[in-house]
Amino acid sequence: MTATNFETALTFVWGEQRDSPSQGYHVTPGDAGGGTFGGVIEATWEGALHRGIVTGLLRNATQDQLATVLRDEFWGPTCDALPAGIDLMLFNGQMMSGGYAKIFQSCLGLIGKDVDGDIGSMTLGVALRAAPVTLANALTGAHYRYLAALDGWANFGDGWTTRLQAARTTALGMIRGAALTV
C-alpha cells in the first residue's frame, strides 16, 4: 500500500505513453459527460477550477494538471490506504461511475445504513480485511451489473466492458505482485 501505485493507475488510464494520454481532448457523441481529456470530464474539471486546483480550459490542460485532478478527485488518501490492485479498482470505478462508493461498500458486505457512499474508516477497515482477489472479482461483477442497467449501455457497453476487464486484469497483476513481495 503506497502512494506510488498512483503512477500505475495513471498508466492504466493513459496507456503506456505516460507522458501523453492516449486520447487528447475529445467529445464522444451521446456521452453525457461532455468533453473528456485524460480521463477527466468537463464537470470534474470545473469542480477543480472552482477549488483552485487548476486553471484554464480542460482542452488545454497539461499532463500535470490532469494528474492533479485525477489524484484529488479519484485517488486521494483513500486509494493510498488500500492494498495494491484494490486501489486501482476503486480509482477506475470512481472515474467511470459517480456512485461507485456504494458499489464498493456493497461488495464488502456493508448494508443498510452502513452503505452511505462515503468511504471512511469503517469501510477502509473492512476493505483491509477482505481477500483482495475475491474483492477485485466482486467489484468487477457489481460494476458490470451497474453499468449494464444504465441508459448508455447500448452505445457504450462494449467499451465499458473492455475497460472493466482491463482494470480487473491489471488489478489482479498488482495483487499478485504485492503478494510476492510480502
N, C-alpha and C. Protein backbone atom coordinates (compact mmCIF):
# COMPACT_ATOMS: atom_id res chain seq x y z
N MET A 1 0.84 -1.19 0.00
CA MET A 1 0.00 0.00 0.00
C MET A 1 0.88 1.24 0.00
N THR A 2 1.05 1.81 -1.16
CA THR A 2 1.85 3.02 -1.22
C THR A 2 1.26 3.98 -2.24
N ALA A 3 1.60 5.22 -2.07
CA ALA A 3 1.15 6.26 -2.99
C ALA A 3 1.73 6.06 -4.38
N THR A 4 2.80 5.27 -4.50
CA THR A 4 3.41 5.07 -5.81
C THR A 4 2.48 4.32 -6.77
N ASN A 5 1.47 3.66 -6.28
CA ASN A 5 0.52 2.99 -7.17
C ASN A 5 -0.28 3.99 -8.00
N PHE A 6 -0.30 5.24 -7.62
CA PHE A 6 -0.98 6.24 -8.43
C PHE A 6 -0.37 6.30 -9.83
N GLU A 7 0.93 6.18 -9.93
CA GLU A 7 1.59 6.20 -11.24
C GLU A 7 1.13 5.00 -12.07
N THR A 8 0.97 3.85 -11.46
CA THR A 8 0.46 2.67 -12.16
C THR A 8 -0.97 2.93 -12.63
N ALA A 9 -1.76 3.59 -11.79
CA ALA A 9 -3.14 3.91 -12.16
C ALA A 9 -3.17 4.87 -13.35
N LEU A 10 -2.29 5.85 -13.36
CA LEU A 10 -2.23 6.77 -14.50
C LEU A 10 -1.83 6.03 -15.77
N THR A 11 -0.89 5.12 -15.67
CA THR A 11 -0.50 4.34 -16.84
C THR A 11 -1.68 3.50 -17.33
N PHE A 12 -2.47 2.96 -16.40
CA PHE A 12 -3.66 2.21 -16.79
C PHE A 12 -4.63 3.11 -17.57
N VAL A 13 -4.89 4.30 -17.05
CA VAL A 13 -5.86 5.20 -17.68
C VAL A 13 -5.31 5.79 -18.98
N TRP A 14 -4.05 6.18 -18.98
CA TRP A 14 -3.48 6.89 -20.12
C TRP A 14 -2.76 5.99 -21.12
N GLY A 15 -2.49 4.77 -20.77
CA GLY A 15 -1.75 3.89 -21.65
C GLY A 15 -0.26 3.99 -21.37
N GLU A 16 0.48 3.24 -22.14
CA GLU A 16 1.93 3.17 -21.92
C GLU A 16 2.64 4.48 -22.22
N GLN A 17 2.03 5.33 -23.03
CA GLN A 17 2.63 6.64 -23.30
C GLN A 17 2.28 7.56 -22.14
N ARG A 18 2.87 7.33 -21.01
CA ARG A 18 2.55 8.02 -19.76
C ARG A 18 2.61 9.55 -19.89
N ASP A 19 3.49 10.04 -20.76
CA ASP A 19 3.62 11.49 -20.88
C ASP A 19 2.56 12.11 -21.79
N SER A 20 1.71 11.28 -22.38
CA SER A 20 0.67 11.80 -23.28
C SER A 20 -0.55 10.88 -23.21
N PRO A 21 -1.63 11.33 -22.57
CA PRO A 21 -2.82 10.49 -22.50
C PRO A 21 -3.21 9.98 -23.89
N SER A 22 -3.65 8.72 -23.96
CA SER A 22 -3.89 8.07 -25.24
C SER A 22 -4.91 8.81 -26.09
N GLN A 23 -5.86 9.46 -25.48
CA GLN A 23 -6.81 10.27 -26.23
C GLN A 23 -6.69 11.71 -25.76
N GLY A 24 -6.47 12.60 -26.70
CA GLY A 24 -6.47 14.01 -26.36
C GLY A 24 -7.89 14.46 -26.04
N TYR A 25 -8.08 15.73 -25.94
CA TYR A 25 -9.41 16.26 -25.67
C TYR A 25 -10.36 15.79 -26.76
N HIS A 26 -11.51 15.25 -26.34
CA HIS A 26 -12.49 14.79 -27.31
C HIS A 26 -13.89 14.83 -26.71
N VAL A 27 -14.87 14.89 -27.59
CA VAL A 27 -16.28 14.82 -27.20
C VAL A 27 -16.86 13.61 -27.92
N THR A 28 -17.38 12.67 -27.15
CA THR A 28 -17.99 11.48 -27.72
C THR A 28 -19.48 11.72 -27.87
N PRO A 29 -20.01 11.61 -29.07
CA PRO A 29 -21.45 11.81 -29.25
C PRO A 29 -22.27 10.90 -28.33
N GLY A 30 -23.24 11.48 -27.65
CA GLY A 30 -24.10 10.72 -26.75
C GLY A 30 -23.58 10.58 -25.34
N ASP A 31 -22.35 11.01 -25.09
CA ASP A 31 -21.77 10.91 -23.76
C ASP A 31 -22.19 12.12 -22.94
N ALA A 32 -22.95 11.88 -21.89
CA ALA A 32 -23.45 12.96 -21.05
C ALA A 32 -22.34 13.71 -20.32
N GLY A 33 -21.15 13.13 -20.25
CA GLY A 33 -20.04 13.77 -19.55
C GLY A 33 -19.45 14.96 -20.29
N GLY A 34 -19.83 15.13 -21.55
CA GLY A 34 -19.28 16.24 -22.33
C GLY A 34 -17.85 15.94 -22.75
N GLY A 35 -17.05 16.99 -22.88
CA GLY A 35 -15.66 16.82 -23.28
C GLY A 35 -14.87 16.05 -22.24
N THR A 36 -13.89 15.30 -22.72
CA THR A 36 -13.04 14.48 -21.86
C THR A 36 -11.59 14.63 -22.32
N PHE A 37 -10.68 14.65 -21.36
CA PHE A 37 -9.26 14.67 -21.68
C PHE A 37 -8.54 13.92 -20.57
N GLY A 38 -7.82 12.88 -20.94
CA GLY A 38 -7.03 12.13 -19.98
C GLY A 38 -7.84 11.53 -18.84
N GLY A 39 -9.10 11.20 -19.10
CA GLY A 39 -9.96 10.63 -18.07
C GLY A 39 -10.69 11.65 -17.22
N VAL A 40 -10.51 12.92 -17.52
CA VAL A 40 -11.17 13.99 -16.77
C VAL A 40 -12.29 14.55 -17.64
N ILE A 41 -13.52 14.59 -17.10
CA ILE A 41 -14.64 15.16 -17.84
C ILE A 41 -14.80 16.63 -17.46
N GLU A 42 -15.54 17.33 -18.28
CA GLU A 42 -15.73 18.78 -18.08
C GLU A 42 -16.22 19.12 -16.66
N ALA A 43 -17.23 18.38 -16.15
CA ALA A 43 -17.78 18.70 -14.83
C ALA A 43 -16.73 18.54 -13.73
N THR A 44 -15.90 17.51 -13.84
CA THR A 44 -14.84 17.30 -12.86
C THR A 44 -13.81 18.43 -12.95
N TRP A 45 -13.46 18.82 -14.16
CA TRP A 45 -12.52 19.92 -14.38
C TRP A 45 -13.07 21.21 -13.78
N GLU A 46 -14.36 21.48 -14.02
CA GLU A 46 -14.98 22.70 -13.50
C GLU A 46 -14.93 22.72 -11.97
N GLY A 47 -15.17 21.57 -11.34
CA GLY A 47 -15.08 21.50 -9.89
C GLY A 47 -13.67 21.81 -9.40
N ALA A 48 -12.68 21.27 -10.10
CA ALA A 48 -11.28 21.54 -9.74
C ALA A 48 -10.93 23.02 -9.96
N LEU A 49 -11.47 23.61 -11.01
CA LEU A 49 -11.28 25.04 -11.24
C LEU A 49 -11.82 25.86 -10.08
N HIS A 50 -13.04 25.53 -9.64
CA HIS A 50 -13.68 26.28 -8.55
C HIS A 50 -12.93 26.13 -7.23
N ARG A 51 -12.25 25.01 -7.05
CA ARG A 51 -11.47 24.81 -5.82
C ARG A 51 -10.05 25.37 -5.95
N GLY A 52 -9.72 25.89 -7.11
CA GLY A 52 -8.40 26.49 -7.31
C GLY A 52 -7.29 25.49 -7.54
N ILE A 53 -7.63 24.26 -7.88
CA ILE A 53 -6.62 23.22 -8.10
C ILE A 53 -5.95 23.38 -9.46
N VAL A 54 -6.72 23.85 -10.45
CA VAL A 54 -6.20 24.03 -11.80
C VAL A 54 -6.70 25.37 -12.34
N THR A 55 -6.16 25.76 -13.47
CA THR A 55 -6.61 26.97 -14.17
C THR A 55 -6.76 26.63 -15.65
N GLY A 56 -7.52 27.45 -16.35
CA GLY A 56 -7.63 27.30 -17.79
C GLY A 56 -8.74 26.34 -18.20
N LEU A 57 -8.69 25.99 -19.48
CA LEU A 57 -9.70 25.11 -20.07
C LEU A 57 -9.20 23.67 -20.09
N LEU A 58 -10.13 22.73 -19.95
CA LEU A 58 -9.77 21.31 -20.00
C LEU A 58 -9.07 20.98 -21.31
N ARG A 59 -9.54 21.49 -22.40
CA ARG A 59 -8.95 21.16 -23.71
C ARG A 59 -7.47 21.56 -23.79
N ASN A 60 -7.03 22.50 -22.95
CA ASN A 60 -5.64 22.97 -22.95
C ASN A 60 -4.84 22.44 -21.76
N ALA A 61 -5.38 21.50 -21.03
CA ALA A 61 -4.74 21.01 -19.81
C ALA A 61 -3.39 20.34 -20.09
N THR A 62 -2.49 20.50 -19.15
CA THR A 62 -1.21 19.78 -19.21
C THR A 62 -1.38 18.43 -18.52
N GLN A 63 -0.44 17.53 -18.75
CA GLN A 63 -0.49 16.23 -18.08
C GLN A 63 -0.40 16.39 -16.57
N ASP A 64 0.39 17.35 -16.11
CA ASP A 64 0.48 17.59 -14.67
C ASP A 64 -0.87 18.03 -14.10
N GLN A 65 -1.57 18.90 -14.82
CA GLN A 65 -2.88 19.34 -14.35
C GLN A 65 -3.86 18.16 -14.33
N LEU A 66 -3.87 17.36 -15.38
CA LEU A 66 -4.76 16.20 -15.42
C LEU A 66 -4.47 15.25 -14.27
N ALA A 67 -3.19 14.98 -14.04
CA ALA A 67 -2.80 14.09 -12.94
C ALA A 67 -3.24 14.67 -11.60
N THR A 68 -3.10 15.97 -11.43
CA THR A 68 -3.51 16.62 -10.18
C THR A 68 -5.00 16.44 -9.94
N VAL A 69 -5.79 16.63 -10.99
CA VAL A 69 -7.24 16.47 -10.86
C VAL A 69 -7.60 15.02 -10.55
N LEU A 70 -6.98 14.08 -11.26
CA LEU A 70 -7.28 12.66 -11.02
C LEU A 70 -6.89 12.24 -9.61
N ARG A 71 -5.73 12.73 -9.14
CA ARG A 71 -5.30 12.40 -7.78
C ARG A 71 -6.27 12.99 -6.76
N ASP A 72 -6.66 14.23 -6.95
CA ASP A 72 -7.53 14.91 -6.00
C ASP A 72 -8.95 14.33 -6.00
N GLU A 73 -9.49 14.10 -7.18
CA GLU A 73 -10.89 13.68 -7.30
C GLU A 73 -11.11 12.19 -7.07
N PHE A 74 -10.20 11.35 -7.56
CA PHE A 74 -10.48 9.92 -7.61
C PHE A 74 -9.49 9.04 -6.86
N TRP A 75 -8.33 9.55 -6.54
CA TRP A 75 -7.33 8.73 -5.84
C TRP A 75 -7.31 9.12 -4.37
N GLY A 76 -6.77 10.28 -4.08
CA GLY A 76 -6.75 10.81 -2.72
C GLY A 76 -6.19 9.85 -1.69
N PRO A 77 -6.37 10.17 -0.44
CA PRO A 77 -5.84 9.31 0.63
C PRO A 77 -6.55 7.97 0.71
N THR A 78 -7.75 7.87 0.18
CA THR A 78 -8.48 6.60 0.26
C THR A 78 -7.77 5.51 -0.52
N CYS A 79 -7.43 5.76 -1.77
CA CYS A 79 -6.74 4.74 -2.55
C CYS A 79 -5.36 4.45 -1.98
N ASP A 80 -4.69 5.49 -1.45
CA ASP A 80 -3.38 5.26 -0.82
C ASP A 80 -3.47 4.28 0.34
N ALA A 81 -4.62 4.20 0.99
CA ALA A 81 -4.78 3.34 2.16
C ALA A 81 -5.15 1.90 1.80
N LEU A 82 -5.45 1.64 0.54
CA LEU A 82 -5.92 0.32 0.13
C LEU A 82 -4.79 -0.55 -0.38
N PRO A 83 -5.00 -1.86 -0.37
CA PRO A 83 -3.99 -2.77 -0.94
C PRO A 83 -3.81 -2.55 -2.44
N ALA A 84 -2.64 -2.89 -2.93
CA ALA A 84 -2.36 -2.81 -4.36
C ALA A 84 -3.40 -3.60 -5.13
N GLY A 85 -3.88 -3.03 -6.19
CA GLY A 85 -4.91 -3.66 -7.02
C GLY A 85 -6.29 -3.19 -6.63
N ILE A 86 -6.59 -3.21 -5.36
CA ILE A 86 -7.89 -2.70 -4.90
C ILE A 86 -7.89 -1.18 -5.04
N ASP A 87 -6.73 -0.57 -4.85
CA ASP A 87 -6.63 0.88 -5.08
C ASP A 87 -6.98 1.22 -6.53
N LEU A 88 -6.47 0.43 -7.47
CA LEU A 88 -6.78 0.67 -8.88
C LEU A 88 -8.26 0.44 -9.17
N MET A 89 -8.85 -0.60 -8.58
CA MET A 89 -10.27 -0.87 -8.81
C MET A 89 -11.12 0.30 -8.34
N LEU A 90 -10.81 0.83 -7.16
CA LEU A 90 -11.58 1.97 -6.64
C LEU A 90 -11.37 3.20 -7.52
N PHE A 91 -10.14 3.49 -7.87
CA PHE A 91 -9.81 4.63 -8.73
C PHE A 91 -10.56 4.55 -10.05
N ASN A 92 -10.45 3.42 -10.73
CA ASN A 92 -11.12 3.25 -12.01
C ASN A 92 -12.63 3.32 -11.86
N GLY A 93 -13.16 2.67 -10.85
CA GLY A 93 -14.60 2.68 -10.63
C GLY A 93 -15.13 4.08 -10.37
N GLN A 94 -14.41 4.84 -9.57
CA GLN A 94 -14.85 6.21 -9.29
C GLN A 94 -14.77 7.08 -10.53
N MET A 95 -13.78 6.85 -11.38
CA MET A 95 -13.69 7.61 -12.62
C MET A 95 -14.84 7.28 -13.55
N MET A 96 -15.22 6.01 -13.60
CA MET A 96 -16.26 5.59 -14.54
C MET A 96 -17.68 5.87 -14.04
N SER A 97 -17.90 5.80 -12.73
CA SER A 97 -19.26 5.85 -12.20
C SER A 97 -19.34 6.69 -10.95
N GLY A 98 -20.21 7.67 -10.97
CA GLY A 98 -20.36 8.58 -9.84
C GLY A 98 -20.73 7.92 -8.53
N GLY A 99 -21.53 6.88 -8.54
CA GLY A 99 -21.97 6.24 -7.30
C GLY A 99 -21.16 5.02 -6.93
N TYR A 100 -19.90 4.98 -7.35
CA TYR A 100 -19.10 3.77 -7.17
C TYR A 100 -18.82 3.43 -5.71
N ALA A 101 -18.79 4.42 -4.85
CA ALA A 101 -18.51 4.13 -3.43
C ALA A 101 -19.55 3.16 -2.86
N LYS A 102 -20.80 3.30 -3.28
CA LYS A 102 -21.83 2.38 -2.80
C LYS A 102 -21.63 0.98 -3.36
N ILE A 103 -21.17 0.88 -4.60
CA ILE A 103 -20.84 -0.43 -5.17
C ILE A 103 -19.71 -1.05 -4.36
N PHE A 104 -18.70 -0.26 -4.06
CA PHE A 104 -17.55 -0.72 -3.28
C PHE A 104 -18.01 -1.25 -1.91
N GLN A 105 -18.84 -0.46 -1.25
CA GLN A 105 -19.32 -0.86 0.07
C GLN A 105 -20.19 -2.12 0.00
N SER A 106 -21.02 -2.23 -1.00
CA SER A 106 -21.88 -3.41 -1.09
C SER A 106 -21.05 -4.67 -1.32
N CYS A 107 -19.97 -4.57 -2.08
CA CYS A 107 -19.09 -5.72 -2.31
C CYS A 107 -18.34 -6.13 -1.04
N LEU A 108 -18.25 -5.23 -0.10
CA LEU A 108 -17.62 -5.54 1.19
C LEU A 108 -18.63 -6.10 2.18
N GLY A 109 -19.88 -6.22 1.76
CA GLY A 109 -20.91 -6.77 2.64
C GLY A 109 -21.53 -5.74 3.56
N LEU A 110 -21.23 -4.47 3.34
CA LEU A 110 -21.84 -3.42 4.14
C LEU A 110 -23.24 -3.17 3.58
N ILE A 111 -24.21 -3.13 4.47
CA ILE A 111 -25.60 -2.98 4.01
C ILE A 111 -26.32 -1.93 4.85
N GLY A 112 -27.47 -1.54 4.36
CA GLY A 112 -28.32 -0.61 5.11
C GLY A 112 -27.65 0.71 5.35
N LYS A 113 -27.72 1.16 6.59
CA LYS A 113 -27.18 2.47 6.95
C LYS A 113 -25.67 2.55 6.75
N ASP A 114 -25.00 1.39 6.72
CA ASP A 114 -23.56 1.39 6.52
C ASP A 114 -23.16 1.76 5.10
N VAL A 115 -24.07 1.58 4.13
CA VAL A 115 -23.78 1.92 2.74
C VAL A 115 -24.24 3.34 2.51
N ASP A 116 -23.33 4.27 2.72
CA ASP A 116 -23.68 5.68 2.64
C ASP A 116 -22.96 6.41 1.50
N GLY A 117 -22.12 5.69 0.76
CA GLY A 117 -21.41 6.32 -0.34
C GLY A 117 -20.20 7.13 0.10
N ASP A 118 -19.85 7.03 1.37
CA ASP A 118 -18.68 7.73 1.90
C ASP A 118 -17.69 6.68 2.38
N ILE A 119 -16.54 6.62 1.76
CA ILE A 119 -15.56 5.62 2.15
C ILE A 119 -14.72 6.20 3.27
N GLY A 120 -15.14 5.88 4.48
CA GLY A 120 -14.46 6.35 5.67
C GLY A 120 -13.70 5.23 6.35
N SER A 121 -13.38 5.44 7.61
CA SER A 121 -12.54 4.49 8.34
C SER A 121 -13.19 3.12 8.48
N MET A 122 -14.52 3.05 8.65
CA MET A 122 -15.17 1.74 8.76
C MET A 122 -15.04 0.96 7.45
N THR A 123 -15.34 1.62 6.34
CA THR A 123 -15.25 0.95 5.04
C THR A 123 -13.81 0.52 4.77
N LEU A 124 -12.85 1.40 5.04
CA LEU A 124 -11.44 1.04 4.83
C LEU A 124 -11.04 -0.15 5.69
N GLY A 125 -11.50 -0.17 6.93
CA GLY A 125 -11.18 -1.29 7.82
C GLY A 125 -11.68 -2.62 7.26
N VAL A 126 -12.90 -2.61 6.75
CA VAL A 126 -13.46 -3.84 6.16
C VAL A 126 -12.68 -4.20 4.89
N ALA A 127 -12.36 -3.21 4.07
CA ALA A 127 -11.61 -3.47 2.84
C ALA A 127 -10.24 -4.06 3.12
N LEU A 128 -9.60 -3.60 4.17
CA LEU A 128 -8.26 -4.11 4.50
C LEU A 128 -8.29 -5.56 4.99
N ARG A 129 -9.45 -6.00 5.47
CA ARG A 129 -9.59 -7.39 5.92
C ARG A 129 -10.10 -8.31 4.82
N ALA A 130 -10.52 -7.75 3.71
CA ALA A 130 -11.07 -8.55 2.61
C ALA A 130 -9.96 -9.25 1.83
N ALA A 131 -10.30 -10.37 1.23
CA ALA A 131 -9.37 -11.07 0.34
C ALA A 131 -9.30 -10.28 -0.97
N PRO A 132 -8.15 -9.74 -1.33
CA PRO A 132 -8.06 -8.84 -2.48
C PRO A 132 -8.55 -9.44 -3.80
N VAL A 133 -8.21 -10.68 -4.10
CA VAL A 133 -8.64 -11.29 -5.36
C VAL A 133 -10.16 -11.42 -5.38
N THR A 134 -10.73 -11.88 -4.29
CA THR A 134 -12.18 -12.02 -4.20
C THR A 134 -12.85 -10.66 -4.35
N LEU A 135 -12.31 -9.63 -3.70
CA LEU A 135 -12.89 -8.30 -3.78
C LEU A 135 -12.78 -7.74 -5.20
N ALA A 136 -11.64 -7.92 -5.85
CA ALA A 136 -11.47 -7.42 -7.22
C ALA A 136 -12.49 -8.07 -8.15
N ASN A 137 -12.70 -9.36 -8.01
CA ASN A 137 -13.68 -10.06 -8.85
C ASN A 137 -15.10 -9.58 -8.54
N ALA A 138 -15.42 -9.41 -7.27
CA ALA A 138 -16.75 -8.94 -6.89
C ALA A 138 -17.00 -7.52 -7.42
N LEU A 139 -16.00 -6.67 -7.32
CA LEU A 139 -16.13 -5.30 -7.81
C LEU A 139 -16.38 -5.28 -9.32
N THR A 140 -15.67 -6.14 -10.04
CA THR A 140 -15.86 -6.20 -11.49
C THR A 140 -17.30 -6.60 -11.83
N GLY A 141 -17.78 -7.63 -11.18
CA GLY A 141 -19.15 -8.10 -11.45
C GLY A 141 -20.20 -7.08 -11.07
N ALA A 142 -20.06 -6.48 -9.90
CA ALA A 142 -21.04 -5.49 -9.44
C ALA A 142 -21.03 -4.24 -10.32
N HIS A 143 -19.85 -3.82 -10.72
CA HIS A 143 -19.76 -2.63 -11.57
C HIS A 143 -20.36 -2.93 -12.95
N TYR A 144 -20.10 -4.11 -13.47
CA TYR A 144 -20.68 -4.51 -14.75
C TYR A 144 -22.21 -4.46 -14.68
N ARG A 145 -22.78 -5.04 -13.62
CA ARG A 145 -24.25 -5.03 -13.47
C ARG A 145 -24.78 -3.60 -13.37
N TYR A 146 -24.08 -2.75 -12.65
CA TYR A 146 -24.49 -1.35 -12.53
C TYR A 146 -24.50 -0.67 -13.90
N LEU A 147 -23.39 -0.82 -14.64
CA LEU A 147 -23.28 -0.17 -15.94
C LEU A 147 -24.29 -0.72 -16.94
N ALA A 148 -24.54 -2.03 -16.91
CA ALA A 148 -25.47 -2.67 -17.84
C ALA A 148 -26.89 -2.16 -17.66
N ALA A 149 -27.20 -1.62 -16.50
CA ALA A 149 -28.55 -1.10 -16.24
C ALA A 149 -28.70 0.36 -16.67
N LEU A 150 -27.62 1.01 -17.09
CA LEU A 150 -27.68 2.42 -17.48
C LEU A 150 -28.21 2.58 -18.90
N ASP A 151 -28.83 3.72 -19.16
CA ASP A 151 -29.36 4.02 -20.49
C ASP A 151 -28.28 3.99 -21.57
N GLY A 152 -27.08 4.36 -21.24
CA GLY A 152 -26.00 4.42 -22.22
C GLY A 152 -25.40 3.08 -22.59
N TRP A 153 -25.88 1.99 -22.00
CA TRP A 153 -25.29 0.67 -22.23
C TRP A 153 -25.25 0.31 -23.71
N ALA A 154 -26.32 0.58 -24.44
CA ALA A 154 -26.37 0.21 -25.86
C ALA A 154 -25.25 0.88 -26.65
N ASN A 155 -24.92 2.11 -26.30
CA ASN A 155 -23.87 2.85 -27.02
C ASN A 155 -22.47 2.58 -26.49
N PHE A 156 -22.35 2.41 -25.18
CA PHE A 156 -21.04 2.39 -24.56
C PHE A 156 -20.68 1.06 -23.89
N GLY A 157 -21.60 0.10 -23.88
CA GLY A 157 -21.40 -1.15 -23.16
C GLY A 157 -20.14 -1.91 -23.55
N ASP A 158 -19.85 -1.97 -24.84
CA ASP A 158 -18.65 -2.70 -25.27
C ASP A 158 -17.39 -2.05 -24.72
N GLY A 159 -17.31 -0.72 -24.81
CA GLY A 159 -16.14 -0.02 -24.28
C GLY A 159 -16.04 -0.14 -22.77
N TRP A 160 -17.17 -0.01 -22.08
CA TRP A 160 -17.17 -0.15 -20.63
C TRP A 160 -16.72 -1.54 -20.21
N THR A 161 -17.22 -2.56 -20.93
CA THR A 161 -16.84 -3.94 -20.60
C THR A 161 -15.34 -4.14 -20.80
N THR A 162 -14.82 -3.61 -21.90
CA THR A 162 -13.38 -3.73 -22.16
C THR A 162 -12.58 -3.08 -21.03
N ARG A 163 -13.01 -1.91 -20.60
CA ARG A 163 -12.28 -1.21 -19.54
C ARG A 163 -12.38 -1.96 -18.21
N LEU A 164 -13.56 -2.51 -17.90
CA LEU A 164 -13.71 -3.28 -16.66
C LEU A 164 -12.80 -4.50 -16.67
N GLN A 165 -12.75 -5.20 -17.79
CA GLN A 165 -11.89 -6.38 -17.90
C GLN A 165 -10.42 -6.00 -17.77
N ALA A 166 -10.04 -4.89 -18.40
CA ALA A 166 -8.65 -4.44 -18.30
C ALA A 166 -8.30 -4.03 -16.88
N ALA A 167 -9.22 -3.36 -16.19
CA ALA A 167 -8.97 -2.97 -14.80
C ALA A 167 -8.80 -4.20 -13.93
N ARG A 168 -9.66 -5.19 -14.11
CA ARG A 168 -9.57 -6.42 -13.32
C ARG A 168 -8.23 -7.12 -13.57
N THR A 169 -7.84 -7.24 -14.83
CA THR A 169 -6.58 -7.90 -15.18
C THR A 169 -5.40 -7.16 -14.56
N THR A 170 -5.39 -5.85 -14.68
CA THR A 170 -4.31 -5.04 -14.11
C THR A 170 -4.30 -5.16 -12.60
N ALA A 171 -5.47 -5.08 -11.98
CA ALA A 171 -5.57 -5.17 -10.52
C ALA A 171 -5.08 -6.53 -10.02
N LEU A 172 -5.47 -7.60 -10.69
CA LEU A 172 -5.03 -8.93 -10.26
C LEU A 172 -3.51 -9.07 -10.38
N GLY A 173 -2.93 -8.47 -11.41
CA GLY A 173 -1.47 -8.46 -11.53
C GLY A 173 -0.82 -7.71 -10.39
N MET A 174 -1.41 -6.58 -10.01
CA MET A 174 -0.88 -5.80 -8.88
C MET A 174 -1.00 -6.58 -7.57
N ILE A 175 -2.12 -7.28 -7.41
CA ILE A 175 -2.34 -8.09 -6.20
C ILE A 175 -1.30 -9.21 -6.13
N ARG A 176 -1.10 -9.89 -7.23
CA ARG A 176 -0.10 -10.97 -7.26
C ARG A 176 1.30 -10.42 -6.99
N GLY A 177 1.62 -9.28 -7.60
CA GLY A 177 2.93 -8.67 -7.39
C GLY A 177 3.15 -8.29 -5.94
N ALA A 178 2.10 -7.75 -5.30
CA ALA A 178 2.21 -7.38 -3.89
C ALA A 178 2.38 -8.61 -3.01
N ALA A 179 1.70 -9.70 -3.37
CA ALA A 179 1.82 -10.94 -2.58
C ALA A 179 3.23 -11.52 -2.67
N LEU A 180 3.89 -11.32 -3.80
CA LEU A 180 5.24 -11.85 -3.96
C LEU A 180 6.26 -11.08 -3.15
N THR A 181 5.96 -9.83 -2.81
CA THR A 181 6.91 -9.01 -2.07
C THR A 181 6.73 -9.09 -0.57
N VAL A 182 5.71 -9.82 -0.14
CA VAL A 182 5.44 -9.92 1.32
C VAL A 182 6.36 -10.92 1.94
